[in-house]
C-alpha atoms as a PDB file:
ATOM      1  CA  MET A   1       0.000   0.000   0.000  1.00  0.00           C
ATOM      2  CA  ILE A   2       1.378   3.380  -1.003  1.00  0.00           C
ATOM      3  CA  ASP A   3       1.249   5.962   1.766  1.00  0.00           C
ATOM      4  CA  GLY A   4       1.897   9.701   1.874  1.00  0.00           C
ATOM      5  CA  ILE A   5       5.654   9.301   2.248  1.00  0.00           C
ATOM      6  CA  ASP A   6       5.807   7.008  -0.789  1.00  0.00           C
ATOM      7  CA  ARG A   7       3.769   9.550  -2.741  1.00  0.00           C
ATOM      8  CA  SER A   8       6.232  12.276  -1.738  1.00  0.00           C
ATOM      9  CA  ILE A   9       9.116  10.106  -2.946  1.00  0.00           C
ATOM     10  CA  LEU A  10       7.344   9.503  -6.257  1.00  0.00           C
ATOM     11  CA  ARG A  11       6.503  13.188  -6.758  1.00  0.00           C
ATOM     12  CA  GLU A  12      10.130  14.204  -6.223  1.00  0.00           C
ATOM     13  CA  LEU A  13      11.491  11.492  -8.512  1.00  0.00           C
ATOM     14  CA  GLN A  14       9.090  12.417 -11.305  1.00  0.00           C
ATOM     15  CA  HIS A  15      10.666  15.869 -11.306  1.00  0.00           C
ATOM     16  CA  ASP A  16      14.258  14.692 -10.898  1.00  0.00           C
ATOM     17  CA  GLY A  17      14.943  11.001 -11.445  1.00  0.00           C
ATOM     18  CA  ARG A  18      18.688  11.533 -10.934  1.00  0.00           C
ATOM     19  CA  MET A  19      18.260  12.753  -7.368  1.00  0.00           C
ATOM     20  CA  THR A  20      20.467  10.891  -4.902  1.00  0.00           C
ATOM     21  CA  ALA A  21      18.881   8.971  -2.033  1.00  0.00           C
ATOM     22  CA  THR A  22      20.492  11.477   0.347  1.00  0.00           C
ATOM     23  CA  ALA A  23      18.956  14.477  -1.431  1.00  0.00           C
ATOM     24  CA  LEU A  24      15.622  12.679  -1.729  1.00  0.00           C
ATOM     25  CA  ALA A  25      15.597  11.826   1.985  1.00  0.00           C
ATOM     26  CA  SER A  26      16.339  15.444   2.834  1.00  0.00           C
ATOM     27  CA  LYS A  27      13.528  16.737   0.593  1.00  0.00           C
ATOM     28  CA  ILE A  28      10.881  14.465   2.085  1.00  0.00           C
ATOM     29  CA  GLY A  29      12.072  14.647   5.688  1.00  0.00           C
ATOM     30  CA  LEU A  30      13.394  11.112   6.218  1.00  0.00           C
ATOM     31  CA  THR A  31      16.801   9.760   7.081  1.00  0.00           C
ATOM     32  CA  VAL A  32      18.653   8.020   4.262  1.00  0.00           C
ATOM     33  CA  ALA A  33      18.166   4.383   5.370  1.00  0.00           C
ATOM     34  CA  PRO A  34      14.346   4.356   5.495  1.00  0.00           C
ATOM     35  CA  CYS A  35      14.152   6.487   2.349  1.00  0.00           C
ATOM     36  CA  HIS A  36      16.415   4.042   0.517  1.00  0.00           C
ATOM     37  CA  ARG A  37      14.372   1.075   1.785  1.00  0.00           C
ATOM     38  CA  ARG A  38      11.127   2.648   0.560  1.00  0.00           C
ATOM     39  CA  LEU A  39      12.721   3.495  -2.782  1.00  0.00           C
ATOM     40  CA  ARG A  40      13.877  -0.110  -3.299  1.00  0.00           C
ATOM     41  CA  GLU A  41      10.402  -1.381  -2.344  1.00  0.00           C
ATOM     42  CA  LEU A  42       8.769   0.945  -4.890  1.00  0.00           C
ATOM     43  CA  GLU A  43      11.206  -0.361  -7.517  1.00  0.00           C
ATOM     44  CA  SER A  44      10.790  -4.053  -6.624  1.00  0.00           C
ATOM     45  CA  THR A  45       6.979  -3.870  -6.676  1.00  0.00           C
ATOM     46  CA  GLY A  46       7.030  -2.184 -10.087  1.00  0.00           C
ATOM     47  CA  VAL A  47       5.598   1.162  -8.984  1.00  0.00           C
ATOM     48  CA  ILE A  48       8.842   2.661 -10.279  1.00  0.00           C
ATOM     49  CA  ARG A  49       9.423   0.979 -13.633  1.00  0.00           C
ATOM     50  CA  GLY A  50      12.797   2.519 -14.389  1.00  0.00           C
ATOM     51  CA  TYR A  51      14.863   5.634 -14.930  1.00  0.00           C
ATOM     52  CA  ARG A  52      15.825   7.242 -18.216  1.00  0.00           C
ATOM     53  CA  ALA A  53      17.073  10.418 -19.821  1.00  0.00           C
ATOM     54  CA  GLU A  54      14.463  12.537 -21.587  1.00  0.00           C
ATOM     55  CA  LEU A  55      15.906  13.487 -24.973  1.00  0.00           C
ATOM     56  CA  ASP A  56      14.994  16.333 -27.316  1.00  0.00           C
ATOM     57  CA  ALA A  57      14.016  14.717 -30.634  1.00  0.00           C
ATOM     58  CA  ARG A  58      14.511  17.929 -32.615  1.00  0.00           C
ATOM     59  CA  SER A  59      18.103  18.261 -31.368  1.00  0.00           C
ATOM     60  CA  LEU A  60      18.739  14.725 -32.599  1.00  0.00           C
ATOM     61  CA  GLY A  61      17.430  15.429 -36.090  1.00  0.00           C
ATOM     62  CA  LEU A  62      14.005  13.893 -35.475  1.00  0.00           C
ATOM     63  CA  GLY A  63      11.877  17.032 -35.621  1.00  0.00           C
ATOM     64  CA  PHE A  64       8.972  15.529 -37.582  1.00  0.00           C
ATOM     65  CA  GLU A  65       6.199  13.809 -35.610  1.00  0.00           C
ATOM     66  CA  ALA A  66       3.072  12.071 -36.814  1.00  0.00           C
ATOM     67  CA  ILE A  67       0.190  10.372 -35.093  1.00  0.00           C
ATOM     68  CA  VAL A  68      -0.897   7.277 -37.003  1.00  0.00           C
ATOM     69  CA  PHE A  69      -4.212   5.507 -36.538  1.00  0.00           C
ATOM     70  CA  VAL A  70      -4.120   1.856 -37.595  1.00  0.00           C
ATOM     71  CA  THR A  71      -7.053  -0.372 -38.443  1.00  0.00           C
ATOM     72  CA  LEU A  72      -6.308  -4.067 -38.889  1.00  0.00           C
ATOM     73  CA  ARG A  73      -8.029  -6.453 -41.321  1.00  0.00           C
ATOM     74  CA  GLN A  74      -8.305  -9.122 -38.650  1.00  0.00           C
ATOM     75  CA  VAL A  75      -7.833  -9.084 -34.898  1.00  0.00           C
ATOM     76  CA  ASP A  76      -7.137 -12.673 -33.933  1.00  0.00           C
ATOM     77  CA  ARG A  77      -4.580 -13.357 -31.229  1.00  0.00           C
ATOM     78  CA  ALA A  78      -1.720 -14.330 -33.555  1.00  0.00           C
ATOM     79  CA  THR A  79      -2.207 -11.262 -35.765  1.00  0.00           C
ATOM     80  CA  LEU A  80      -2.296  -8.911 -32.787  1.00  0.00           C
ATOM     81  CA  ALA A  81       0.828 -10.505 -31.318  1.00  0.00           C
ATOM     82  CA  GLY A  82       2.735 -10.215 -34.612  1.00  0.00           C
ATOM     83  CA  PHE A  83       1.655  -6.616 -35.135  1.00  0.00           C
ATOM     84  CA  GLU A  84       2.516  -5.585 -31.570  1.00  0.00           C
ATOM     85  CA  GLU A  85       5.887  -7.341 -31.714  1.00  0.00           C
ATOM     86  CA  GLN A  86       6.908  -5.455 -34.863  1.00  0.00           C
ATOM     87  CA  VAL A  87       5.638  -2.138 -33.478  1.00  0.00           C
ATOM     88  CA  ALA A  88       7.571  -2.631 -30.222  1.00  0.00           C
ATOM     89  CA  ALA A  89      10.775  -3.397 -32.157  1.00  0.00           C
ATOM     90  CA  ASN A  90      10.580  -0.283 -34.365  1.00  0.00           C
ATOM     91  CA  ALA A  91      12.654   2.613 -32.991  1.00  0.00           C
ATOM     92  CA  HIS A  92      10.753   5.266 -34.973  1.00  0.00           C
ATOM     93  CA  ILE A  93       7.491   4.319 -33.261  1.00  0.00           C
ATOM     94  CA  ILE A  94       8.004   5.969 -29.893  1.00  0.00           C
ATOM     95  CA  GLU A  95       4.524   5.412 -28.441  1.00  0.00           C
ATOM     96  CA  ALA A  96       1.826   2.876 -29.204  1.00  0.00           C
ATOM     97  CA  GLN A  97      -1.575   2.209 -27.711  1.00  0.00           C
ATOM     98  CA  ARG A  98      -4.156  -0.449 -28.506  1.00  0.00           C
ATOM     99  CA  LEU A  99      -7.603   1.130 -28.559  1.00  0.00           C
ATOM    100  CA  PHE A 100     -11.166  -0.062 -28.044  1.00  0.00           C
ATOM    101  CA  GLY A 101     -13.276   0.356 -31.143  1.00  0.00           C
ATOM    102  CA  ASP A 102     -12.067   1.771 -34.412  1.00  0.00           C
ATOM    103  CA  PRO A 103      -9.206   2.371 -35.108  1.00  0.00           C
ATOM    104  CA  ASP A 104      -7.362  -0.491 -33.438  1.00  0.00           C
ATOM    105  CA  TYR A 105      -4.088   1.301 -32.610  1.00  0.00           C
ATOM    106  CA  LEU A 106      -2.628   4.763 -32.162  1.00  0.00           C
ATOM    107  CA  LEU A 107       1.087   5.155 -32.936  1.00  0.00           C
ATOM    108  CA  LYS A 108       3.350   8.162 -32.398  1.00  0.00           C
ATOM    109  CA  VAL A 109       6.129   8.224 -34.963  1.00  0.00           C
ATOM    110  CA  VAL A 110       9.242  10.412 -35.263  1.00  0.00           C
ATOM    111  CA  ALA A 111      11.273  11.032 -38.405  1.00  0.00           C
ATOM    112  CA  GLN A 112      13.820  13.477 -39.733  1.00  0.00           C
ATOM    113  CA  ASP A 113      11.389  15.256 -42.046  1.00  0.00           C
ATOM    114  CA  LEU A 114       8.372  14.667 -44.302  1.00  0.00           C
ATOM    115  CA  PRO A 115      10.290  12.742 -47.019  1.00  0.00           C
ATOM    116  CA  ALA A 116      11.814  10.470 -44.358  1.00  0.00           C
ATOM    117  CA  TYR A 117       8.354   9.905 -42.866  1.00  0.00           C
ATOM    118  CA  GLN A 118       6.900   9.125 -46.296  1.00  0.00           C
ATOM    119  CA  LYS A 119       9.628   6.521 -46.836  1.00  0.00           C
ATOM    120  CA  PHE A 120       8.977   5.047 -43.368  1.00  0.00           C
ATOM    121  CA  TYR A 121       5.225   4.988 -44.082  1.00  0.00           C
ATOM    122  CA  ASP A 122       5.667   3.287 -47.464  1.00  0.00           C
ATOM    123  CA  GLU A 123       8.345   0.788 -46.435  1.00  0.00           C
ATOM    124  CA  GLU A 124       7.584  -0.021 -42.813  1.00  0.00           C
ATOM    125  CA  LEU A 125       4.155   1.079 -41.595  1.00  0.00           C
ATOM    126  CA  SER A 126       2.324  -0.294 -44.604  1.00  0.00           C
ATOM    127  CA  ASP A 127       4.192  -3.605 -44.212  1.00  0.00           C
ATOM    128  CA  LEU A 128       3.017  -4.216 -40.639  1.00  0.00           C
ATOM    129  CA  PRO A 129       0.954  -7.423 -40.327  1.00  0.00           C
ATOM    130  CA  ALA A 130      -2.737  -7.260 -41.326  1.00  0.00           C
ATOM    131  CA  VAL A 131      -2.874  -3.494 -41.830  1.00  0.00           C
ATOM    132  CA  GLU A 132      -6.105  -2.525 -43.547  1.00  0.00           C
ATOM    133  CA  LYS A 133      -5.964   1.236 -43.108  1.00  0.00           C
ATOM    134  CA  LEU A 134      -3.416   3.834 -41.959  1.00  0.00           C
ATOM    135  CA  THR A 135      -4.444   7.399 -41.215  1.00  0.00           C
ATOM    136  CA  SER A 136      -1.713   9.907 -40.414  1.00  0.00           C
ATOM    137  CA  THR A 137      -1.902  13.349 -38.962  1.00  0.00           C
ATOM    138  CA  ILE A 138       1.106  15.613 -38.554  1.00  0.00           C
ATOM    139  CA  VAL A 139       1.867  17.008 -35.124  1.00  0.00           C
ATOM    140  CA  MET A 140       1.888  20.783 -35.372  1.00  0.00           C
ATOM    141  CA  LYS A 141       2.975  21.522 -31.803  1.00  0.00           C
ATOM    142  CA  ASN A 142       3.550  19.529 -28.626  1.00  0.00           C
ATOM    143  CA  LEU A 143       1.710  21.169 -25.770  1.00  0.00           C
ATOM    144  CA  LYS A 144       2.260  18.575 -23.080  1.00  0.00           C
ATOM    145  CA  ALA A 145       4.334  15.407 -23.021  1.00  0.00           C
ATOM    146  CA  ASN A 146       5.873  13.067 -20.474  1.00  0.00           C
ATOM    147  CA  THR A 147       4.207  14.812 -17.588  1.00  0.00           C
ATOM    148  CA  ALA A 148       4.221  13.679 -13.995  1.00  0.00           C
ATOM    149  CA  LEU A 149       1.335  11.528 -12.824  1.00  0.00           C
ATOM    150  CA  PRO A 150      -1.058  13.219 -10.376  1.00  0.00           C
ATOM    151  CA  ILE A 151      -0.082  11.478  -7.148  1.00  0.00           C
END
């Protein structure tokens, strides 16, 4: 069960995942040992899934983003598994959600520019298993991304 102290730990780490256990303990008003124990418990139970660097796609030459809606021809278990496996393995697909209803999936894709996206669309997206329909929309502006959860 997550209590108020755990929630404080999680709030702080969402803002600075590189914070040391000593700094974290100081911020939330605990000594280092119990803070470290709680942190390890949150990690081992899967509440904290991992730590990573948040990169700027534009700075890395990936300034083009598209949202792609995918409708599949068939949705049997094997088809879904094959589709999801290929989506998960593709580095240009940076987010993917399976949806209820139509369409079946929502993908967020990054590319260098429009010609690179067109090539990716033609050579990779359209070759995903059982794709019946792809609908793309270009991201004009990111207003909010990778935000902290309301805990």
